[in-house]
Protein backbone atom coordinates (compact mmCIF):
# COMPACT_ATOMS: atom_id res chain seq x y z
CA MET A 1 76.04 71.02 137.96
CA SER A 2 74.97 73.66 140.29
CA ASN A 3 76.09 73.42 144.05
CA LEU A 4 73.31 74.12 146.61
CA SER A 5 75.70 75.37 149.06
CA SER A 6 77.22 78.18 147.06
CA ASP A 7 73.91 78.95 145.32
CA ALA A 8 71.62 79.00 148.63
CA LEU A 9 68.98 81.37 148.36
CA VAL A 10 69.13 83.85 151.42
CA PHE A 11 65.55 85.30 152.36
CA ALA A 12 64.84 87.67 155.28
CA ASP A 13 61.64 86.83 157.19
CA GLU A 14 59.69 89.68 155.25
CA GLY A 15 56.04 90.05 154.37
CA ILE A 16 53.90 91.85 151.74
CA VAL A 17 50.87 93.49 151.95
CA SER A 18 48.33 92.73 149.21
CA GLU A 19 47.45 95.88 147.08
CA ARG A 20 43.89 94.92 147.34
CA GLU A 21 41.53 91.94 146.10
CA PRO A 22 41.70 91.34 142.62
CA PRO A 23 38.40 91.59 140.68
CA ASP A 24 36.76 88.79 139.01
CA CYS A 25 38.72 87.42 135.98
CA ALA A 26 41.82 88.72 136.63
CA GLY A 27 43.96 85.94 136.02
CA PRO A 28 47.20 85.32 138.30
CA TRP A 29 50.76 86.26 136.93
CA LYS A 30 52.73 83.20 135.44
CA ILE A 31 56.28 83.02 136.66
CA LEU A 32 58.26 80.02 135.50
CA LEU A 33 61.26 78.82 137.69
CA VAL A 34 63.98 77.26 135.90
CA ASP A 35 66.90 75.43 138.18
CA ASP A 36 67.98 71.91 138.69
CA GLU A 37 67.79 72.06 142.64
CA PRO A 38 64.30 71.26 143.95
CA GLN A 39 65.14 73.33 147.06
CA VAL A 40 65.53 76.39 145.01
CA HIS A 41 62.03 76.17 143.69
CA ALA A 42 60.48 75.45 147.10
CA VAL A 43 62.26 78.38 148.58
CA THR A 44 61.46 80.73 145.94
CA GLU A 45 57.88 79.68 145.85
CA LEU A 46 57.55 80.13 149.66
CA SER A 47 58.91 83.37 149.79
CA LEU A 48 56.50 84.60 147.02
CA ARG A 49 53.24 82.85 147.85
CA ASP A 50 51.36 85.46 149.11
CA VAL A 51 52.86 88.34 146.65
CA GLU A 52 50.01 90.14 144.63
CA VAL A 53 51.09 92.67 141.66
CA HIS A 54 48.55 95.12 140.67
CA GLY A 55 45.93 93.16 142.35
CA ARG A 56 46.85 89.75 140.80
CA PRO A 57 48.36 86.89 142.62
CA LEU A 58 51.22 84.96 141.38
CA SER A 59 51.34 81.15 139.61
CA PHE A 60 54.40 79.26 139.48
CA LEU A 61 55.28 76.79 136.79
CA HIS A 62 58.58 74.59 137.18
CA ALA A 63 61.31 73.13 134.65
CA TYR A 64 64.47 71.88 135.99
CA THR A 65 66.48 71.97 132.79
CA GLY A 66 66.85 74.40 129.87
CA LYS A 67 65.43 72.12 127.60
CA GLU A 68 62.46 71.53 129.64
CA SER A 69 62.21 75.17 130.22
CA ILE A 70 61.53 75.81 126.31
CA GLU A 71 58.72 72.89 126.12
CA VAL A 72 56.87 75.01 129.10
CA MET A 73 57.33 78.19 127.08
CA ARG A 74 55.91 76.66 124.03
CA ARG A 75 53.05 75.82 125.74
CA GLU A 76 52.42 78.48 128.16
CA PRO A 77 53.11 81.73 125.85
CA ASP A 78 51.66 84.28 128.36
CA ILE A 79 54.31 83.43 130.93
CA ALA A 80 55.37 86.84 132.20
CA MET A 81 58.40 86.23 134.00
CA VAL A 82 61.27 83.54 133.89
CA LEU A 83 63.68 82.98 136.70
CA MET A 84 66.29 80.99 135.12
CA ASP A 85 69.36 79.42 136.47
CA VAL A 86 72.76 79.33 134.30
CA VAL A 87 74.55 76.26 135.04
CA MET A 88 72.10 73.24 134.74
CA GLU A 89 72.45 70.14 132.22
CA THR A 90 75.37 71.94 130.85
CA GLU A 91 77.40 75.14 131.71
CA HIS A 92 75.54 77.21 129.78
CA ALA A 93 71.95 75.52 129.52
CA GLY A 94 70.31 78.88 131.10
CA LEU A 95 71.79 81.04 128.36
CA GLU A 96 71.15 78.69 125.23
CA ALA A 97 67.44 78.23 126.84
CA VAL A 98 66.91 82.13 127.05
CA ASP A 99 68.34 82.55 123.22
CA ARG A 100 65.96 79.71 122.12
CA ILE A 101 63.15 81.32 124.10
CA ARG A 102 63.97 85.05 122.19
CA GLY A 103 64.64 83.69 118.79
CA GLU A 104 63.05 79.89 118.23
CA LEU A 105 59.98 80.84 120.05
CA ASN A 106 60.14 84.74 119.10
CA ASN A 107 58.94 85.73 122.26
CA SER A 108 60.39 89.41 123.35
CA ASP A 109 57.77 90.14 126.17
CA VAL A 110 58.58 87.58 128.97
CA ARG A 111 60.83 89.07 131.39
CA VAL A 112 63.69 86.84 131.96
CA ILE A 113 66.03 86.97 135.15
CA LEU A 114 69.10 85.36 135.19
CA ARG A 115 69.84 83.88 138.63
CA THR A 116 73.59 82.44 139.09
CA GLY A 117 75.44 80.68 141.93
CA GLN A 118 78.79 81.16 139.50
CA PRO A 119 79.09 84.50 138.10
CA GLY A 120 82.38 84.16 136.96
CA GLN A 121 80.94 81.28 134.49
CA ALA A 122 78.82 83.96 132.64
CA PRO A 123 79.86 87.71 132.66
CA GLU A 124 76.80 89.95 133.54
CA ARG A 125 77.94 92.73 130.77
CA GLU A 126 78.45 90.26 127.99
CA VAL A 127 75.10 88.07 128.87
CA VAL A 128 72.86 90.99 129.41
CA ALA A 129 73.81 92.29 126.09
CA ARG A 130 73.94 89.20 124.07
CA TYR A 131 71.28 87.11 125.24
CA ASP A 132 68.66 90.18 126.07
CA ILE A 133 68.61 89.57 129.51
CA ASN A 134 66.46 91.96 131.70
CA ASP A 135 68.01 91.35 135.14
CA TYR A 136 71.16 89.37 136.17
CA LYS A 137 71.15 88.26 140.00
CA GLU A 138 73.64 86.42 142.08
CA LYS A 139 71.63 84.17 144.39
CA THR A 140 73.48 85.47 147.40
CA GLU A 141 71.88 88.86 146.82
CA LEU A 142 68.38 87.87 146.49
CA THR A 143 66.86 88.55 149.94
CA ALA A 144 62.96 88.33 150.37
CA SER A 145 62.68 92.11 150.06
CA LYS A 146 64.88 92.13 146.77
CA MET A 147 62.94 89.20 145.43
CA HIS A 148 59.55 91.25 145.83
CA THR A 149 60.81 94.38 144.40
CA LEU A 150 62.16 92.32 141.46
CA VAL A 151 59.04 90.64 140.77
CA TYR A 152 56.79 93.62 141.39
CA THR A 153 59.21 96.09 138.75
CA SER A 154 59.53 92.62 136.23
CA LEU A 155 55.73 92.11 136.21
CA SER A 156 55.00 96.13 135.75
CA HIS A 157 57.41 96.28 132.71
CA TYR A 158 55.79 92.97 131.36
CA ARG A 159 52.34 94.58 131.78
CA GLU A 160 53.64 97.81 129.94
CA LEU A 161 54.79 95.68 126.90
CA VAL A 162 51.66 93.69 126.76
CA ALA A 163 49.39 96.95 126.89
CA LEU A 164 51.63 98.63 124.21
CA LYS A 165 51.28 95.36 121.86
CA GLN A 166 47.50 95.65 122.62
CA ASN A 167 47.48 99.22 121.92
CA ARG A 168 49.29 98.83 118.46
CA GLU A 169 47.05 95.58 117.30
CA GLY A 170 43.91 97.70 118.35
CA LEU A 171 45.10 100.73 116.17
CA GLU A 172 45.89 98.48 113.49
CA LYS A 173 42.32 96.82 113.63
CA VAL A 174 40.83 100.57 113.83
CA ILE A 175 42.60 101.49 110.65
CA GLU A 176 42.11 98.49 108.79
CA ALA A 177 38.45 98.67 109.23
CA SER A 178 38.14 102.42 108.53
CA GLY A 179 38.88 101.70 104.79
CA SER A 180 35.06 99.80 104.99
CA LEU A 181 33.65 101.25 107.83
CA PHE A 182 30.30 101.35 106.26
CA GLU A 183 30.37 97.69 105.09
CA SER A 184 27.75 95.40 106.57
CA SER A 185 30.41 93.77 108.97
CA SER A 186 33.05 96.31 109.46
CA LEU A 187 31.48 98.08 112.39
CA VAL A 188 31.91 95.15 114.62
CA GLN A 189 35.49 94.97 113.73
CA PHE A 190 35.77 98.82 113.95
CA ALA A 191 34.03 98.63 117.42
CA ARG A 192 36.16 95.57 118.38
CA GLY A 193 39.56 97.37 117.64
CA VAL A 194 38.39 100.47 119.47
CA LEU A 195 37.71 98.13 122.43
CA LYS A 196 41.09 96.45 122.33
CA GLN A 197 42.91 99.70 121.94
CA LEU A 198 40.93 101.34 124.85
CA SER A 199 41.40 98.20 127.02
CA ALA A 200 45.29 98.51 126.61
CA LEU A 201 45.19 102.04 127.30
CA LEU A 202 43.45 101.43 130.61
CA TYR A 203 45.18 98.24 131.38
CA ALA A 204 41.71 96.63 131.05
CA ASN A 205 41.04 92.97 130.91
CA ASP A 206 40.52 91.25 127.78
CA ASP A 207 36.69 90.60 128.95
CA THR A 208 35.45 94.05 127.33
CA VAL A 209 31.98 93.56 125.72
CA MET A 210 29.60 95.99 123.89
CA VAL A 211 26.08 95.51 124.24
CA ARG A 212 22.93 96.19 122.39
CA GLY A 213 19.55 96.87 124.16
CA VAL A 214 16.68 97.00 121.49
CA ALA A 215 13.67 99.33 122.71
CA VAL A 216 10.77 97.85 121.07
CA GLY A 217 8.32 100.45 122.09
CA ALA A 218 7.12 102.56 125.08
CA ASP A 219 4.56 100.24 126.32
CA ILE A 220 6.48 97.03 125.23
CA GLU A 221 9.27 95.13 127.07
CA THR A 222 12.79 95.82 125.91
CA GLY A 223 13.86 93.10 123.63
CA PRO A 224 16.81 91.02 124.07
CA GLU A 225 20.22 92.25 125.01
CA LEU A 226 22.68 91.33 122.47
CA VAL A 227 26.29 91.39 122.66
CA ILE A 228 27.76 93.48 119.60
CA THR A 229 31.59 92.78 119.81
CA ALA A 230 34.36 91.93 122.35
CA SER A 231 37.87 92.68 122.74
CA SER A 232 38.49 89.33 122.58
CA ASN A 233 38.62 87.25 119.56
CA ASP A 234 35.49 85.29 120.87
CA ASP A 235 33.12 85.53 118.12
CA SER A 236 30.71 82.97 119.47
CA MET A 237 29.51 85.68 121.89
CA VAL A 238 28.81 88.12 119.21
CA GLY A 239 24.95 88.34 118.44
CA GLU A 240 24.37 85.95 121.39
CA ARG A 241 21.72 87.03 124.43
CA ILE A 242 24.04 88.37 127.10
CA GLU A 243 22.23 86.20 129.82
CA ASP A 244 23.92 82.97 127.79
CA VAL A 245 27.19 84.27 127.51
CA LEU A 246 28.03 86.45 130.56
CA PRO A 247 28.00 85.69 134.14
CA GLN A 248 24.77 86.71 136.10
CA LYS A 249 26.19 89.79 137.98
CA VAL A 250 27.71 91.12 134.86
CA VAL A 251 24.22 90.69 132.95
CA ALA A 252 22.97 92.52 136.39
CA ARG A 253 25.35 95.67 135.78
CA ILE A 254 24.85 95.82 132.15
CA ARG A 255 21.14 95.92 132.63
CA ARG A 256 21.53 98.37 135.39
CA SER A 257 22.89 100.71 132.95
CA LEU A 258 20.49 100.14 130.44
CA ASP A 259 17.21 100.62 132.86
CA THR A 260 18.84 103.89 133.97
CA ASN A 261 20.75 105.41 131.24
CA GLU A 262 23.46 106.01 133.46
CA PRO A 263 27.21 105.08 133.68
CA TYR A 264 28.35 103.28 136.67
CA PHE A 265 31.51 102.38 138.10
CA GLY A 266 32.39 99.81 140.78
CA ASP A 267 35.42 97.86 141.93
CA GLY A 268 37.24 97.13 139.43
CA TYR A 269 34.59 97.42 136.69
CA PHE A 270 32.62 99.89 134.89
CA THR A 271 29.30 100.07 132.52
CA VAL A 272 28.89 102.97 130.26
CA PHE A 273 25.60 103.66 128.48
CA PHE A 274 25.07 105.62 125.32
CA LYS A 275 22.28 105.93 122.75
CA THR A 276 21.62 106.97 119.19
CA SER A 277 19.15 109.52 118.15
CA ALA A 278 17.24 106.54 116.49
CA GLY A 279 16.83 105.03 120.08
CA ALA A 280 19.20 102.17 120.00
CA GLN A 281 20.40 101.47 123.40
CA HIS A 282 24.27 100.53 123.83
CA VAL A 283 26.37 99.86 127.21
CA VAL A 284 30.29 99.18 126.94
CA TYR A 285 31.32 96.70 130.16
CA MET A 286 34.69 96.79 131.25
CA THR A 287 36.76 95.45 133.81
CA SER A 288 40.56 96.20 135.03
CA ASP A 289 42.74 94.97 137.86
CA ALA A 290 43.36 98.35 138.81
CA GLU A 291 41.32 101.49 139.47
CA PHE A 292 39.92 103.47 136.90
CA SER A 293 40.69 107.27 137.14
CA VAL A 294 38.49 110.02 136.56
CA SER A 295 40.49 110.27 133.32
CA ASP A 296 39.69 106.96 132.35
CA HIS A 297 36.10 107.71 132.79
CA ARG A 298 36.25 110.78 130.65
CA LEU A 299 38.02 108.44 128.00
CA VAL A 300 35.53 105.80 127.82
CA ALA A 301 32.95 108.59 127.65
CA LEU A 302 34.23 110.05 124.60
CA PHE A 303 34.91 106.79 123.01
CA CYS A 304 31.12 105.97 123.37
CA ARG A 305 30.09 109.43 122.21
CA ASN A 306 32.28 108.53 119.12
CA VAL A 307 31.08 105.22 118.40
CA GLY A 308 27.46 106.42 118.56
CA VAL A 309 28.15 108.81 115.63
CA ALA A 310 29.90 105.68 113.69
CA PHE A 311 26.37 103.63 114.52
CA GLU A 312 24.43 106.54 113.16
CA ASN A 313 26.40 106.94 109.94
CA HIS A 314 26.11 103.11 109.47
CA SER A 315 22.34 103.04 109.66
CA VAL A 316 22.30 106.10 107.14
CA ASN A 317 24.57 104.20 104.62
CA GLN A 318 22.88 100.83 105.12
CA GLU A 319 19.39 102.55 104.17
CA MET A 320 21.40 103.38 100.93
CA LEU A 321 22.66 100.19 100.15
CA SER A 322 19.03 98.88 100.93
CA SER A 323 17.61 101.04 98.45
CA GLN A 324 20.07 100.05 95.67
CA ARG A 325 19.37 96.75 96.32
CA LYS A 326 15.61 97.30 95.94
CA LEU A 327 16.44 98.96 92.63
CA VAL A 328 18.31 95.87 91.27
CA LEU A 329 15.47 93.49 92.21
CA MET A 330 12.67 95.59 90.95
CA LEU A 331 14.65 96.37 87.54
CA SER A 332 15.07 92.34 87.24
CA ALA A 333 11.80 91.51 87.99
CA VAL A 334 10.54 93.91 85.34
CA VAL A 335 12.30 91.83 82.63
CA GLU A 336 10.82 88.49 84.11
CA GLU A 337 7.23 90.18 83.90
CA ARG A 338 7.74 90.59 79.97
CA SER A 339 8.40 87.05 79.28
CA PRO A 340 6.36 84.31 81.10
CA GLU A 341 9.40 81.74 80.51
CA LEU A 342 11.65 83.83 82.18
CA LYS A 343 10.01 83.10 85.87
CA ASN A 344 12.69 82.30 88.44
CA HIS A 345 15.20 82.77 85.93
CA VAL A 346 16.94 85.74 87.70
CA VAL A 347 16.63 83.77 91.29
CA ARG A 348 18.26 80.72 89.63
CA VAL A 349 20.97 82.63 88.19
CA SER A 350 21.80 84.50 91.21
CA GLU A 351 21.71 81.19 93.32
CA TYR A 352 23.77 79.01 90.75
CA ALA A 353 26.53 82.11 90.69
CA LYS A 354 26.46 82.08 94.68
CA ILE A 355 27.36 78.37 94.62
CA ILE A 356 30.24 79.08 92.42
CA GLY A 357 31.30 82.01 94.36
CA ARG A 358 31.25 80.17 97.67
CA ASN A 359 33.71 77.71 96.23
CA LEU A 360 36.01 80.42 95.25
CA ASN A 361 35.89 81.60 99.02
CA LEU A 362 34.57 84.88 98.24
CA SER A 363 33.61 87.15 101.41
CA ALA A 364 30.27 87.48 102.44
CA LEU A 365 30.41 91.21 100.70
CA GLU A 366 31.74 89.59 97.35
CA LEU A 367 28.88 87.21 97.43
CA GLU A 368 26.25 89.46 98.25
CA GLU A 369 27.60 91.52 95.09
CA LEU A 370 27.61 88.64 92.78
CA GLU A 371 24.12 87.87 93.52
CA LEU A 372 22.68 91.34 92.89
CA SER A 373 25.26 91.55 89.97
CA ALA A 374 23.96 88.51 88.41
CA ALA A 375 20.70 89.27 88.99
CA MET A 376 20.97 92.42 86.43
CA HIS A 377 22.60 90.65 83.87
CA ASP A 378 19.68 90.90 81.60
CA VAL A 379 18.40 94.24 82.47
CA GLY A 380 19.09 95.45 78.95
CA LYS A 381 16.00 93.51 77.52
CA ILE A 382 13.83 96.03 78.94
CA SER A 383 14.25 98.01 75.96
CA ILE A 384 13.89 95.04 73.49
CA PRO A 385 10.46 94.94 71.43
CA ASP A 386 8.12 92.37 73.01
CA VAL A 387 7.91 91.14 69.12
CA ILE A 388 11.72 90.09 69.43
CA LEU A 389 11.75 89.05 72.99
CA ASN A 390 9.13 86.78 72.73
CA LYS A 391 9.49 85.22 69.09
CA PRO A 392 8.93 81.58 68.95
CA GLY A 393 10.81 81.26 65.83
CA ARG A 394 14.69 81.76 64.78
CA PHE A 395 15.82 85.27 64.76
CA THR A 396 16.75 86.65 61.42
CA PRO A 397 20.39 88.29 60.97
CA GLU A 398 18.61 91.64 61.77
CA GLU A 399 16.48 90.57 65.11
CA ARG A 400 19.67 88.59 66.38
CA ILE A 401 21.89 92.05 66.00
CA LEU A 402 18.94 93.67 68.03
CA MET A 403 18.56 91.05 70.74
CA GLN A 404 22.31 91.13 71.35
CA ASP A 405 22.20 95.03 71.68
CA HIS A 406 20.33 94.39 74.88
CA VAL A 407 23.87 94.34 76.41
CA ALA A 408 24.89 97.65 75.11
CA ARG A 409 21.49 98.80 76.27
CA GLY A 410 21.87 97.66 79.71
CA GLU A 411 25.47 98.94 80.22
CA ALA A 412 23.81 102.18 79.35
CA ILE A 413 21.05 102.19 81.82
CA LEU A 414 23.60 101.66 84.32
CA ASP A 415 26.46 103.82 83.15
CA SER A 416 25.62 106.86 85.17
CA GLN A 417 25.50 104.93 88.43
CA HIS A 418 28.73 105.33 90.76
CA SER A 419 27.75 103.00 93.54
CA SER A 420 30.35 99.94 93.62
CA LEU A 421 27.13 97.76 93.72
CA LEU A 422 25.89 99.01 90.19
CA GLN A 423 29.25 99.26 88.71
CA SER A 424 29.71 95.80 89.45
CA ALA A 425 26.14 95.04 87.90
CA ARG A 426 27.36 96.88 84.70
CA ARG A 427 30.31 94.94 84.44
CA VAL A 428 28.26 91.46 84.48
CA VAL A 429 25.71 93.22 82.16
CA GLY A 430 28.32 94.06 79.84
CA THR A 431 30.64 90.45 79.75
CA HIS A 432 28.18 87.64 80.32
CA HIS A 433 28.31 86.85 76.98
CA GLU A 434 32.02 86.98 76.48
CA ARG A 435 33.28 83.93 75.61
CA TRP A 436 36.94 82.10 77.42
CA ASP A 437 38.25 82.04 73.86
CA GLY A 438 37.25 85.14 72.54
CA LYS A 439 34.25 84.63 70.19
CA GLY A 440 31.88 85.88 72.48
CA TYR A 441 30.01 89.74 72.30
CA PRO A 442 29.79 92.75 72.42
CA ARG A 443 34.16 93.06 72.99
CA GLN A 444 35.49 89.62 71.96
CA LEU A 445 37.14 89.50 75.24
CA SER A 446 38.74 86.33 76.16
CA GLY A 447 40.06 84.49 79.69
CA LYS A 448 40.98 86.70 82.58
CA ASP A 449 40.27 89.65 80.39
CA ILE A 450 36.58 88.68 81.25
CA PRO A 451 35.84 90.32 85.05
CA LEU A 452 35.06 87.37 87.25
CA PHE A 453 31.47 88.10 87.95
CA GLY A 454 30.94 88.17 84.31
CA ARG A 455 32.50 84.63 83.81
CA ILE A 456 30.57 83.33 86.59
CA THR A 457 27.26 84.69 85.49
CA SER A 458 28.02 83.05 82.02
CA VAL A 459 28.12 79.58 83.37
CA ALA A 460 24.88 80.03 85.58
CA ASP A 461 23.00 81.88 82.58
CA VAL A 462 24.09 79.28 80.09
CA PHE A 463 23.01 76.63 82.44
CA ASP A 464 19.20 77.99 83.24
CA ALA A 465 18.67 78.82 79.75
CA LEU A 466 19.14 75.40 78.47
CA SER A 467 17.91 73.81 81.27
CA THR A 468 14.46 75.48 81.23
CA PRO A 469 11.91 76.10 78.63
CA ARG A 470 11.71 79.11 76.22
CA VAL A 471 9.38 80.10 73.66
CA TYR A 472 11.52 79.17 70.99
CA LYS A 473 12.53 75.67 72.45
CA GLU A 474 11.88 72.72 74.82
CA PRO A 475 14.23 72.57 77.94
CA TRP A 476 17.19 70.15 77.56
CA PRO A 477 17.86 67.07 79.91
CA VAL A 478 19.96 67.98 82.50
CA ASP A 479 22.35 65.51 82.04
CA THR A 480 22.73 66.90 78.74
CA VAL A 481 23.39 70.43 80.02
CA PHE A 482 26.13 69.59 82.25
CA ASP A 483 27.60 67.34 79.22
CA TYR A 484 27.21 70.77 76.99
CA LEU A 485 29.23 72.64 79.97
CA ARG A 486 31.90 69.92 80.21
CA GLU A 487 32.61 69.85 76.51
CA HIS A 488 32.88 73.71 76.31
CA ARG A 489 34.96 74.28 79.06
CA GLY A 490 38.31 76.25 78.13
CA SER A 491 36.39 77.42 74.96
CA GLN A 492 33.09 78.82 75.68
CA PHE A 493 33.60 79.10 79.61
CA ASP A 494 36.14 79.48 82.24
CA PRO A 495 37.32 75.74 82.77
CA GLU A 496 37.96 76.32 86.42
CA LEU A 497 34.32 77.73 86.97
CA VAL A 498 32.85 75.00 85.29
CA ASP A 499 34.77 72.36 87.21
CA ILE A 500 33.26 73.77 90.34
CA PHE A 501 29.92 73.90 89.05
CA LEU A 502 30.25 70.29 87.99
CA ALA A 503 31.46 69.22 91.48
CA ASN A 504 28.90 70.87 92.95
CA ARG A 505 25.69 69.30 91.12
CA ASP A 506 23.92 68.55 94.06
CA ALA A 507 23.54 72.12 95.11
CA VAL A 508 22.88 72.81 91.70
CA MET A 509 20.01 70.57 91.59
CA ASP A 510 18.53 71.77 95.15
CA VAL A 511 18.31 75.25 93.47
CA PHE A 512 16.88 73.96 90.20
CA ALA A 513 14.15 72.17 92.09
CA LYS A 514 13.13 74.50 94.31
CA TYR A 515 12.96 77.38 92.04
CA HIS A 516 11.71 75.35 88.67
CA SER A 517 8.83 77.10 87.01
């Protein structure tokens, strides 16, 4: 155990001047004091109680054994600095605790300062190299002035490390989003990544937000201002009105930028306004525990201009995707109109397919692609003569061949289209009559050689065809249709997809009732 008389901390009567008042939302630096002597805790906290580093005060946590320090670090992973005694419950308790912090907890950011009153028991050079210690101090050498310097430099280093990590994470998000920048949800991800990177570069706090103000018209009040994205991972803010999720004075600052179309820089915060050519107005709001420089202002202005370009490109791309969706629905409607019995067939098949897709945990983008692809499954019937399409009796062999040719005709209609959506629809058109056992048409594909969306649409299409009236048959009872799917799982249908469909009978019947002809 350590001996207080030999470990005594000697602090001169010195003060420290606060750099400036910390801005709102700037939390204190967390410092963990680890020592088995309560007096050491008291003296250390007394000496540092008025210290501020980069405008932020200090907050102290306490542990009296090495083992206890691990539990504190586990609960509070954002501790910035640890002042660790060496000799506590054992001669090397402090060293063992540091080893677990770096290894078991995988915390390489926290600055660990080793304090000892018995330096011979833990040689400085060996300890620093082996245990990743950031500084090594004998307790007798730590005057108040030296302690203040130690805290300031350690916390500054910690801030640099965290900023670098945030910068890397932000860059990773930007790179990740760039591959699918123009997907419906990826622009939010892209903007969040850049905000995070920008926050790290400027040492900004993790409360940066981007707000959209919707201008309804020249003589009409501006619509609600909504949060587009935030540098934090708090998705609950996205899409919410700013007055519902942000402090009142922050709302006032944002609205001032929207009203004047000007940037504003205040004590520890700034707002930057930018507008797209389509008239959409946006504001980035950022806070920091340090003053923003002129170069910081230029950096943010550049960021806003580039994000404005991204928004413009995204809008153009969304208009193109919207046109493709309208084309899909229009072609599907044409097929339905040629056969009265097919009313709502496309809608039901799409909804049944989505039930399966959701239970496969498909993404929102994949679900939309599945829905529209399933809606196109019978597009080739556009070119089938009415006399065949609406024949009430059984087909002759020649007529059956002609009817089955709707698959090839549908593929031909979509063959020259290169968008991912229409190519997905083409695959569904070409494979929704294939069978799991390889006895389907037109290519006799089997198992997972059949594309997933084709296998899903097959289950949905057959269920709807059997459960609704056709010109050539009466509808089967729904229980009989479910029995048919159960009996043909593993032969006609992918067994996993049938099991999902059967397990979600209530959802299936809700669609059946809602869109029943």
